[in-house]
């Protein structure tokens, strides 16, 4: 698979993740969409890192994975709080957490 194939795959993954975030109301599914988008960015970083024979892109991809793990922890805590308040994981009731 050449460079163009990896870029197209990352573009398709990013589009799928973006569509998932914009169309789904369930918080867990929306978080999965964000993770797909971050992984597509990682694919691009690693692809160009390998193409230029430089480890900087792989290092950035590692940091993106660390931030994504922290994002999942915080996001799931918010979704659990919404679930306890409303009895549903729907993101429509997120404004109820202001109190």
PDB file of N, CA and C in Angstrom:
ATOM      1  N   UNK A   1       0.853  -1.171   0.000  1.00  0.00           N
ATOM      2  CA  UNK A   1       0.000   0.000   0.000  1.00  0.00           C
ATOM      3  C   UNK A   1       0.904   1.240   0.000  1.00  0.00           C
ATOM      4  N   UNK A   2       0.605   2.163  -0.867  1.00  0.00           N
ATOM      5  CA  UNK A   2       1.445   3.355  -0.965  1.00  0.00           C
ATOM      6  C   UNK A   2       0.909   4.495  -0.101  1.00  0.00           C
ATOM      7  N   UNK A   3       1.590   5.617  -0.151  1.00  0.00           N
ATOM      8  CA  UNK A   3       1.241   6.775   0.663  1.00  0.00           C
ATOM      9  C   UNK A   3      -0.183   7.252   0.388  1.00  0.00           C
ATOM     10  N   UNK A   4      -0.567   7.289  -0.869  1.00  0.00           N
ATOM     11  CA  UNK A   4      -1.896   7.765  -1.238  1.00  0.00           C
ATOM     12  C   UNK A   4      -2.986   6.889  -0.623  1.00  0.00           C
ATOM     13  N   UNK A   5      -2.762   5.601  -0.566  1.00  0.00           N
ATOM     14  CA  UNK A   5      -3.739   4.687   0.031  1.00  0.00           C
ATOM     15  C   UNK A   5      -3.944   4.943   1.515  1.00  0.00           C
ATOM     16  N   UNK A   6      -2.863   5.210   2.227  1.00  0.00           N
ATOM     17  CA  UNK A   6      -2.981   5.508   3.653  1.00  0.00           C
ATOM     18  C   UNK A   6      -3.713   6.825   3.896  1.00  0.00           C
ATOM     19  N   UNK A   7      -3.458   7.813   3.059  1.00  0.00           N
ATOM     20  CA  UNK A   7      -4.123   9.104   3.209  1.00  0.00           C
ATOM     21  C   UNK A   7      -5.619   8.964   2.928  1.00  0.00           C
ATOM     22  N   UNK A   8      -5.971   8.210   1.909  1.00  0.00           N
ATOM     23  CA  UNK A   8      -7.393   7.986   1.609  1.00  0.00           C
ATOM     24  C   UNK A   8      -8.061   7.229   2.747  1.00  0.00           C
ATOM     25  N   UNK A   9      -7.397   6.219   3.295  1.00  0.00           N
ATOM     26  CA  UNK A   9      -7.951   5.474   4.423  1.00  0.00           C
ATOM     27  C   UNK A   9      -8.162   6.383   5.627  1.00  0.00           C
ATOM     28  N   UNK A  10      -7.196   7.258   5.907  1.00  0.00           N
ATOM     29  CA  UNK A  10      -7.335   8.188   7.024  1.00  0.00           C
ATOM     30  C   UNK A  10      -8.476   9.172   6.771  1.00  0.00           C
ATOM     31  N   UNK A  11      -8.639   9.613   5.545  1.00  0.00           N
ATOM     32  CA  UNK A  11      -9.731  10.522   5.209  1.00  0.00           C
ATOM     33  C   UNK A  11     -11.085   9.859   5.399  1.00  0.00           C
ATOM     34  N   UNK A  12     -11.199   8.614   4.978  1.00  0.00           N
ATOM     35  CA  UNK A  12     -12.452   7.871   5.144  1.00  0.00           C
ATOM     36  C   UNK A  12     -12.747   7.647   6.626  1.00  0.00           C
ATOM     37  N   UNK A  13     -11.730   7.273   7.393  1.00  0.00           N
ATOM     38  CA  UNK A  13     -11.926   7.083   8.829  1.00  0.00           C
ATOM     39  C   UNK A  13     -12.333   8.379   9.521  1.00  0.00           C
ATOM     40  N   UNK A  14     -11.723   9.492   9.129  1.00  0.00           N
ATOM     41  CA  UNK A  14     -12.075  10.776   9.730  1.00  0.00           C
ATOM     42  C   UNK A  14     -13.514  11.154   9.384  1.00  0.00           C
ATOM     43  N   UNK A  15     -13.921  10.898   8.151  1.00  0.00           N
ATOM     44  CA  UNK A  15     -15.290  11.207   7.739  1.00  0.00           C
ATOM     45  C   UNK A  15     -16.298  10.347   8.497  1.00  0.00           C
ATOM     46  N   UNK A  16     -15.984   9.075   8.675  1.00  0.00           N
ATOM     47  CA  UNK A  16     -16.876   8.185   9.436  1.00  0.00           C
ATOM     48  C   UNK A  16     -16.979   8.659  10.886  1.00  0.00           C
ATOM     49  N   UNK A  17     -15.848   9.000  11.486  1.00  0.00           N
ATOM     50  CA  UNK A  17     -15.862   9.500  12.861  1.00  0.00           C
ATOM     51  C   UNK A  17     -16.626  10.803  12.993  1.00  0.00           C
ATOM     52  N   UNK A  18     -16.430  11.722  12.056  1.00  0.00           N
ATOM     53  CA  UNK A  18     -17.149  12.993  12.087  1.00  0.00           C
ATOM     54  C   UNK A  18     -18.646  12.813  11.916  1.00  0.00           C
ATOM     55  N   UNK A  19     -19.029  11.933  11.001  1.00  0.00           N
ATOM     56  CA  UNK A  19     -20.459  11.652  10.813  1.00  0.00           C
ATOM     57  C   UNK A  19     -21.059  11.012  12.052  1.00  0.00           C
ATOM     58  N   UNK A  20     -20.300  10.163  12.713  1.00  0.00           N
ATOM     59  CA  UNK A  20     -20.785   9.522  13.934  1.00  0.00           C
ATOM     60  C   UNK A  20     -21.003  10.544  15.038  1.00  0.00           C
ATOM     61  N   UNK A  21     -20.053  11.454  15.205  1.00  0.00           N
ATOM     62  CA  UNK A  21     -20.180  12.469  16.258  1.00  0.00           C
ATOM     63  C   UNK A  21     -21.368  13.384  15.979  1.00  0.00           C
ATOM     64  N   UNK A  22     -21.569  13.753  14.720  1.00  0.00           N
ATOM     65  CA  UNK A  22     -22.626  14.705  14.393  1.00  0.00           C
ATOM     66  C   UNK A  22     -24.021  14.091  14.360  1.00  0.00           C
ATOM     67  N   UNK A  23     -24.139  12.791  14.132  1.00  0.00           N
ATOM     68  CA  UNK A  23     -25.467  12.203  13.963  1.00  0.00           C
ATOM     69  C   UNK A  23     -25.969  11.410  15.156  1.00  0.00           C
ATOM     70  N   UNK A  24     -25.109  10.920  16.001  1.00  0.00           N
ATOM     71  CA  UNK A  24     -25.540  10.074  17.114  1.00  0.00           C
ATOM     72  C   UNK A  24     -25.814  10.890  18.354  1.00  0.00           C
ATOM     73  N   UNK A  25     -26.830  10.495  19.100  1.00  0.00           N
ATOM     74  CA  UNK A  25     -27.182  11.170  20.339  1.00  0.00           C
ATOM     75  C   UNK A  25     -26.618  10.458  21.562  1.00  0.00           C
ATOM     76  N   UNK A  26     -26.234   9.204  21.430  1.00  0.00           N
ATOM     77  CA  UNK A  26     -25.694   8.449  22.549  1.00  0.00           C
ATOM     78  C   UNK A  26     -24.262   8.918  22.818  1.00  0.00           C
ATOM     79  N   UNK A  27     -23.954   9.191  24.078  1.00  0.00           N
ATOM     80  CA  UNK A  27     -22.650   9.717  24.431  1.00  0.00           C
ATOM     81  C   UNK A  27     -21.509   8.753  24.186  1.00  0.00           C
ATOM     82  N   UNK A  28     -21.735   7.485  24.449  1.00  0.00           N
ATOM     83  CA  UNK A  28     -20.670   6.493  24.253  1.00  0.00           C
ATOM     84  C   UNK A  28     -20.336   6.359  22.769  1.00  0.00           C
ATOM     85  N   UNK A  29     -21.348   6.357  21.924  1.00  0.00           N
ATOM     86  CA  UNK A  29     -21.116   6.257  20.483  1.00  0.00           C
ATOM     87  C   UNK A  29     -20.420   7.514  19.964  1.00  0.00           C
ATOM     88  N   UNK A  30     -20.775   8.671  20.506  1.00  0.00           N
ATOM     89  CA  UNK A  30     -20.098   9.911  20.110  1.00  0.00           C
ATOM     90  C   UNK A  30     -18.620   9.865  20.498  1.00  0.00           C
ATOM     91  N   UNK A  31     -18.314   9.329  21.676  1.00  0.00           N
ATOM     92  CA  UNK A  31     -16.911   9.182  22.069  1.00  0.00           C
ATOM     93  C   UNK A  31     -16.163   8.225  21.140  1.00  0.00           C
ATOM     94  N   UNK A  32     -16.839   7.171  20.698  1.00  0.00           N
ATOM     95  CA  UNK A  32     -16.210   6.262  19.741  1.00  0.00           C
ATOM     96  C   UNK A  32     -15.893   6.979  18.432  1.00  0.00           C
ATOM     97  N   UNK A  33     -16.792   7.871  18.009  1.00  0.00           N
ATOM     98  CA  UNK A  33     -16.539   8.652  16.801  1.00  0.00           C
ATOM     99  C   UNK A  33     -15.318   9.548  16.953  1.00  0.00           C
ATOM    100  N   UNK A  34     -15.175  10.167  18.119  1.00  0.00           N
ATOM    101  CA  UNK A  34     -13.998  11.013  18.374  1.00  0.00           C
ATOM    102  C   UNK A  34     -12.730  10.163  18.354  1.00  0.00           C
ATOM    103  N   UNK A  35     -12.800   8.971  18.920  1.00  0.00           N
ATOM    104  CA  UNK A  35     -11.625   8.075  18.916  1.00  0.00           C
ATOM    105  C   UNK A  35     -11.247   7.660  17.497  1.00  0.00           C
ATOM    106  N   UNK A  36     -12.234   7.414  16.652  1.00  0.00           N
ATOM    107  CA  UNK A  36     -11.941   7.072  15.253  1.00  0.00           C
ATOM    108  C   UNK A  36     -11.254   8.240  14.560  1.00  0.00           C
ATOM    109  N   UNK A  37     -11.718   9.452  14.844  1.00  0.00           N
ATOM    110  CA  UNK A  37     -11.097  10.629  14.241  1.00  0.00           C
ATOM    111  C   UNK A  37      -9.653  10.802  14.718  1.00  0.00           C
ATOM    112  N   UNK A  38      -9.408  10.587  16.002  1.00  0.00           N
ATOM    113  CA  UNK A  38      -8.039  10.700  16.516  1.00  0.00           C
ATOM    114  C   UNK A  38      -7.136   9.616  15.929  1.00  0.00           C
ATOM    115  N   UNK A  39      -7.664   8.423  15.757  1.00  0.00           N
ATOM    116  CA  UNK A  39      -6.856   7.355  15.171  1.00  0.00           C
ATOM    117  C   UNK A  39      -6.548   7.618  13.702  1.00  0.00           C
ATOM    118  N   UNK A  40      -7.454   8.274  12.995  1.00  0.00           N
ATOM    119  CA  UNK A  40      -7.141   8.625  11.607  1.00  0.00           C
ATOM    120  C   UNK A  40      -6.021   9.660  11.556  1.00  0.00           C
ATOM    121  N   UNK A  41      -6.019  10.586  12.508  1.00  0.00           N
ATOM    122  CA  UNK A  41      -4.902  11.548  12.586  1.00  0.00           C
ATOM    123  C   UNK A  41      -3.594  10.837  12.914  1.00  0.00           C
ATOM    124  N   UNK A  42      -3.667   9.851  13.800  1.00  0.00           N
ATOM    125  CA  UNK A  42      -2.465   9.065  14.113  1.00  0.00           C
ATOM    126  C   UNK A  42      -1.944   8.341  12.891  1.00  0.00           C
ATOM    127  N   UNK A  43      -2.853   7.819  12.072  1.00  0.00           N
ATOM    128  CA  UNK A  43      -2.446   7.124  10.853  1.00  0.00           C
ATOM    129  C   UNK A  43      -1.691   8.063   9.924  1.00  0.00           C
ATOM    130  N   UNK A  44      -2.161   9.286   9.786  1.00  0.00           N
ATOM    131  CA  UNK A  44      -1.475  10.262   8.937  1.00  0.00           C
ATOM    132  C   UNK A  44      -0.110  10.616   9.523  1.00  0.00           C
ATOM    133  N   UNK A  45      -0.050  10.823  10.826  1.00  0.00           N
ATOM    134  CA  UNK A  45       1.232  11.155  11.461  1.00  0.00           C
ATOM    135  C   UNK A  45       2.261  10.051  11.251  1.00  0.00           C
ATOM    136  N   UNK A  46       1.859   8.817  11.465  1.00  0.00           N
ATOM    137  CA  UNK A  46       2.791   7.701  11.320  1.00  0.00           C
ATOM    138  C   UNK A  46       3.160   7.489   9.858  1.00  0.00           C
ATOM    139  N   UNK A  47       2.213   7.703   8.954  1.00  0.00           N
ATOM    140  CA  UNK A  47       2.494   7.538   7.526  1.00  0.00           C
ATOM    141  C   UNK A  47       3.566   8.523   7.063  1.00  0.00           C
ATOM    142  N   UNK A  48       3.389   9.787   7.407  1.00  0.00           N
ATOM    143  CA  UNK A  48       4.386  10.772   6.984  1.00  0.00           C
ATOM    144  C   UNK A  48       5.699  10.608   7.738  1.00  0.00           C
ATOM    145  N   UNK A  49       5.627  10.158   8.968  1.00  0.00           N
ATOM    146  CA  UNK A  49       6.845   9.893   9.714  1.00  0.00           C
ATOM    147  C   UNK A  49       7.658   8.787   9.046  1.00  0.00           C
ATOM    148  N   UNK A  50       6.967   7.769   8.598  1.00  0.00           N
ATOM    149  CA  UNK A  50       7.674   6.679   7.930  1.00  0.00           C
ATOM    150  C   UNK A  50       8.193   7.102   6.561  1.00  0.00           C
ATOM    151  N   UNK A  51       7.403   7.932   5.877  1.00  0.00           N
ATOM    152  CA  UNK A  51       7.818   8.385   4.553  1.00  0.00           C
ATOM    153  C   UNK A  51       9.100   9.219   4.633  1.00  0.00           C
ATOM    154  N   UNK A  52       9.185  10.099   5.634  1.00  0.00           N
ATOM    155  CA  UNK A  52      10.348  10.962   5.779  1.00  0.00           C
ATOM    156  C   UNK A  52      11.445  10.348   6.643  1.00  0.00           C
ATOM    157  N   UNK A  53      11.228   9.121   7.105  1.00  0.00           N
ATOM    158  CA  UNK A  53      12.187   8.397   7.937  1.00  0.00           C
ATOM    159  C   UNK A  53      12.612   9.234   9.156  1.00  0.00           C
ATOM    160  N   UNK A  54      11.587   9.733   9.853  1.00  0.00           N
ATOM    161  CA  UNK A  54      11.786  10.573  11.014  1.00  0.00           C
ATOM    162  C   UNK A  54      10.831  10.070  12.102  1.00  0.00           C
ATOM    163  N   UNK A  55      11.268  10.055  13.334  1.00  0.00           N
ATOM    164  CA  UNK A  55      10.436   9.518  14.420  1.00  0.00           C
ATOM    165  C   UNK A  55       9.533  10.558  15.072  1.00  0.00           C
ATOM    166  N   UNK A  56       9.586  11.801  14.616  1.00  0.00           N
ATOM    167  CA  UNK A  56       8.788  12.849  15.251  1.00  0.00           C
ATOM    168  C   UNK A  56       7.282  12.568  15.134  1.00  0.00           C
ATOM    169  N   UNK A  57       6.840  12.128  13.973  1.00  0.00           N
ATOM    170  CA  UNK A  57       5.418  11.836  13.782  1.00  0.00           C
ATOM    171  C   UNK A  57       4.939  10.706  14.674  1.00  0.00           C
ATOM    172  N   UNK A  58       5.780   9.709  14.873  1.00  0.00           N
ATOM    173  CA  UNK A  58       5.398   8.605  15.750  1.00  0.00           C
ATOM    174  C   UNK A  58       5.358   9.052  17.204  1.00  0.00           C
ATOM    175  N   UNK A  59       6.236   9.964  17.580  1.00  0.00           N
ATOM    176  CA  UNK A  59       6.213  10.518  18.929  1.00  0.00           C
ATOM    177  C   UNK A  59       4.935  11.330  19.149  1.00  0.00           C
ATOM    178  N   UNK A  60       4.563  12.151  18.168  1.00  0.00           N
ATOM    179  CA  UNK A  60       3.316  12.906  18.274  1.00  0.00           C
ATOM    180  C   UNK A  60       2.114  11.975  18.327  1.00  0.00           C
ATOM    181  N   UNK A  61       2.143  10.894  17.566  1.00  0.00           N
ATOM    182  CA  UNK A  61       1.043   9.924  17.594  1.00  0.00           C
ATOM    183  C   UNK A  61       0.927   9.295  18.982  1.00  0.00           C
ATOM    184  N   UNK A  62       2.052   9.033  19.612  1.00  0.00           N
ATOM    185  CA  UNK A  62       2.022   8.501  20.972  1.00  0.00           C
ATOM    186  C   UNK A  62       1.357   9.489  21.930  1.00  0.00           C
ATOM    187  N   UNK A  63       1.709  10.774  21.821  1.00  0.00           N
ATOM    188  CA  UNK A  63       1.098  11.777  22.684  1.00  0.00           C
ATOM    189  C   UNK A  63      -0.389  11.940  22.388  1.00  0.00           C
ATOM    190  N   UNK A  64      -0.787  11.806  21.138  1.00  0.00           N
ATOM    191  CA  UNK A  64      -2.212  11.857  20.799  1.00  0.00           C
ATOM    192  C   UNK A  64      -2.942  10.696  21.455  1.00  0.00           C
ATOM    193  N   UNK A  65      -2.332   9.521  21.494  1.00  0.00           N
ATOM    194  CA  UNK A  65      -2.960   8.374  22.164  1.00  0.00           C
ATOM    195  C   UNK A  65      -3.096   8.611  23.663  1.00  0.00           C
ATOM    196  N   UNK A  66      -2.099   9.249  24.268  1.00  0.00           N
ATOM    197  CA  UNK A  66      -2.176   9.553  25.705  1.00  0.00           C
ATOM    198  C   UNK A  66      -3.300  10.543  25.979  1.00  0.00           C
ATOM    199  N   UNK A  67      -3.395  11.581  25.164  1.00  0.00           N
ATOM    200  CA  UNK A  67      -4.466  12.563  25.336  1.00  0.00           C
ATOM    201  C   UNK A  67      -5.823  11.925  25.069  1.00  0.00           C
ATOM    202  N   UNK A  68      -5.903  11.026  24.105  1.00  0.00           N
ATOM    203  CA  UNK A  68      -7.164  10.345  23.815  1.00  0.00           C
ATOM    204  C   UNK A  68      -7.600   9.474  24.989  1.00  0.00           C
ATOM    205  N   UNK A  69      -6.660   8.845  25.646  1.00  0.00           N
ATOM    206  CA  UNK A  69      -7.008   8.036  26.816  1.00  0.00           C
ATOM    207  C   UNK A  69      -7.547   8.913  27.937  1.00  0.00           C
ATOM    208  N   UNK A  70      -6.922  10.060  28.147  1.00  0.00           N
ATOM    209  CA  UNK A  70      -7.419  10.986  29.169  1.00  0.00           C
ATOM    210  C   UNK A  70      -8.796  11.535  28.787  1.00  0.00           C
ATOM    211  N   UNK A  71      -8.989  11.795  27.507  1.00  0.00           N
ATOM    212  CA  UNK A  71     -10.280  12.292  27.026  1.00  0.00           C
ATOM    213  C   UNK A  71     -11.383  11.265  27.250  1.00  0.00           C
ATOM    214  N   UNK A  72     -11.076  10.010  27.054  1.00  0.00           N
ATOM    215  CA  UNK A  72     -12.069   8.956  27.274  1.00  0.00           C
ATOM    216  C   UNK A  72     -12.441   8.871  28.747  1.00  0.00           C
ATOM    217  N   UNK A  73     -11.469   8.993  29.618  1.00  0.00           N
ATOM    218  CA  UNK A  73     -11.746   8.925  31.058  1.00  0.00           C
ATOM    219  C   UNK A  73     -12.679  10.061  31.474  1.00  0.00           C
ATOM    220  N   UNK A  74     -12.358  11.274  31.050  1.00  0.00           N
ATOM    221  CA  UNK A  74     -13.190  12.421  31.414  1.00  0.00           C
ATOM    222  C   UNK A  74     -14.558  12.327  30.741  1.00  0.00           C
ATOM    223  N   UNK A  75     -14.579  11.941  29.471  1.00  0.00           N
ATOM    224  CA  UNK A  75     -15.844  11.817  28.753  1.00  0.00           C
ATOM    225  C   UNK A  75     -16.762  10.765  29.357  1.00  0.00           C
ATOM    226  N   UNK A  76     -16.205   9.626  29.722  1.00  0.00           N
ATOM    227  CA  UNK A  76     -17.038   8.593  30.339  1.00  0.00           C
ATOM    228  C   UNK A  76     -17.542   9.023  31.705  1.00  0.00           C
ATOM    229  N   UNK A  77     -16.745   9.786  32.448  1.00  0.00           N
ATOM    230  CA  UNK A  77     -17.219  10.306  33.735  1.00  0.00           C
ATOM    231  C   UNK A  77     -18.404  11.246  33.533  1.00  0.00           C
ATOM    232  N   UNK A  78     -18.338  12.082  32.518  1.00  0.00           N
ATOM    233  CA  UNK A  78     -19.454  12.988  32.227  1.00  0.00           C
ATOM    234  C   UNK A  78     -20.678  12.203  31.784  1.00  0.00           C
ATOM    235  N   UNK A  79     -20.481  11.195  30.956  1.00  0.00           N
ATOM    236  CA  UNK A  79     -21.612  10.392  30.477  1.00  0.00           C
ATOM    237  C   UNK A  79     -22.246   9.619  31.630  1.00  0.00           C
ATOM    238  N   UNK A  80     -21.436   9.108  32.552  1.00  0.00           N
ATOM    239  CA  UNK A  80     -21.989   8.414  33.724  1.00  0.00           C
ATOM    240  C   UNK A  80     -22.789   9.383  34.583  1.00  0.00           C
ATOM    241  N   UNK A  81     -22.300  10.605  34.704  1.00  0.00           N
ATOM    242  CA  UNK A  81     -23.041  11.614  35.460  1.00  0.00           C
ATOM    243  C   UNK A  81     -24.375  11.934  34.789  1.00  0.00           C
ATOM    244  N   UNK A  82     -24.373  12.045  33.475  1.00  0.00           N
ATOM    245  CA  UNK A  82     -25.627  12.262  32.742  1.00  0.00           C
ATOM    246  C   UNK A  82     -26.557  11.068  32.926  1.00  0.00           C
ATOM    247  N   UNK A  83     -26.016   9.869  32.872  1.00  0.00           N
ATOM    248  CA  UNK A  83     -26.834   8.669  33.026  1.00  0.00           C
ATOM    249  C   UNK A  83     -27.464   8.599  34.417  1.00  0.00           C
ATOM    250  N   UNK A  84     -26.697   8.962  35.438  1.00  0.00           N
ATOM    251  CA  UNK A  84     -27.243   8.943  36.800  1.00  0.00           C
ATOM    252  C   UNK A  84     -28.326  10.000  36.984  1.00  0.00           C
ATOM    253  N   UNK A  85     -28.170  11.126  36.324  1.00  0.00           N
ATOM    254  CA  UNK A  85     -29.140  12.208  36.462  1.00  0.00           C
ATOM    255  C   UNK A  85     -30.424  11.914  35.692  1.00  0.00           C
ATOM    256  N   UNK A  86     -30.287  11.465  34.441  1.00  0.00           N
ATOM    257  CA  UNK A  86     -31.450  11.310  33.567  1.00  0.00           C
ATOM    258  C   UNK A  86     -31.884   9.879  33.345  1.00  0.00           C
ATOM    259  N   UNK A  87     -31.031   8.920  33.609  1.00  0.00           N
ATOM    260  CA  UNK A  87     -31.364   7.525  33.341  1.00  0.00           C
ATOM    261  C   UNK A  87     -31.153   7.132  31.887  1.00  0.00           C
ATOM    262  N   UNK A  88     -30.464   7.975  31.135  1.00  0.00           N
ATOM    263  CA  UNK A  88     -30.184   7.721  29.734  1.00  0.00           C
ATOM    264  C   UNK A  88     -28.814   8.308  29.412  1.00  0.00           C
ATOM    265  N   UNK A  89     -28.142   7.715  28.436  1.00  0.00           N
ATOM    266  CA  UNK A  89     -26.829   8.213  28.024  1.00  0.00           C
ATOM    267  C   UNK A  89     -26.929   9.207  26.879  1.00  0.00           C
ATOM    268  N   UNK A  90     -28.118   9.725  26.622  1.00  0.00           N
ATOM    269  CA  UNK A  90     -28.323  10.678  25.552  1.00  0.00           C
ATOM    270  C   UNK A  90     -27.643  11.997  25.878  1.00  0.00           C
ATOM    271  N   UNK A  91     -27.054  12.623  24.872  1.00  0.00           N
ATOM    272  CA  UNK A  91     -26.356  13.885  25.068  1.00  0.00           C
ATOM    273  C   UNK A  91     -27.304  15.075  25.081  1.00  0.00           C
ATOM    274  N   UNK A  92     -28.572  14.868  24.819  1.00  0.00           N
ATOM    275  CA  UNK A  92     -29.529  15.964  24.823  1.00  0.00           C
ATOM    276  C   UNK A  92     -29.695  16.579  26.207  1.00  0.00           C
ATOM    277  N   UNK A  93     -29.488  15.816  27.255  1.00  0.00           N
ATOM    278  CA  UNK A  93     -29.662  16.320  28.617  1.00  0.00           C
ATOM    279  C   UNK A  93     -28.390  16.808  29.259  1.00  0.00           C
ATOM    280  N   UNK A  94     -27.367  17.099  28.489  1.00  0.00           N
ATOM    281  CA  UNK A  94     -26.092  17.512  29.065  1.00  0.00           C
ATOM    282  C   UNK A  94     -26.181  18.865  29.756  1.00  0.00           C
ATOM    283  N   UNK A  95     -27.099  19.718  29.341  1.00  0.00           N
ATOM    284  CA  UNK A  95     -27.211  21.042  29.970  1.00  0.00           C
ATOM    285  C   UNK A  95     -27.812  20.962  31.367  1.00  0.00           C
ATOM    286  N   UNK A  96     -28.336  19.811  31.766  1.00  0.00           N
ATOM    287  CA  UNK A  96     -28.901  19.660  33.092  1.00  0.00           C
ATOM    288  C   UNK A  96     -27.831  19.537  34.171  1.00  0.00           C
ATOM    289  N   UNK A  97     -26.575  19.367  33.805  1.00  0.00           N
ATOM    290  CA  UNK A  97     -25.495  19.202  34.769  1.00  0.00           C
ATOM    291  C   UNK A  97     -24.987  20.530  35.312  1.00  0.00           C
ATOM    292  N   UNK A  98     -25.587  21.642  34.895  1.00  0.00           N
ATOM    293  CA  UNK A  98     -25.110  22.950  35.336  1.00  0.00           C
ATOM    294  C   UNK A  98     -25.350  23.186  36.806  1.00  0.00           C
ATOM    295  N   UNK A  99     -26.357  22.595  37.399  1.00  0.00           N
ATOM    296  CA  UNK A  99     -26.713  22.844  38.798  1.00  0.00           C
ATOM    297  C   UNK A  99     -25.726  22.231  39.742  1.00  0.00           C
TER     298      UNK A  99
END
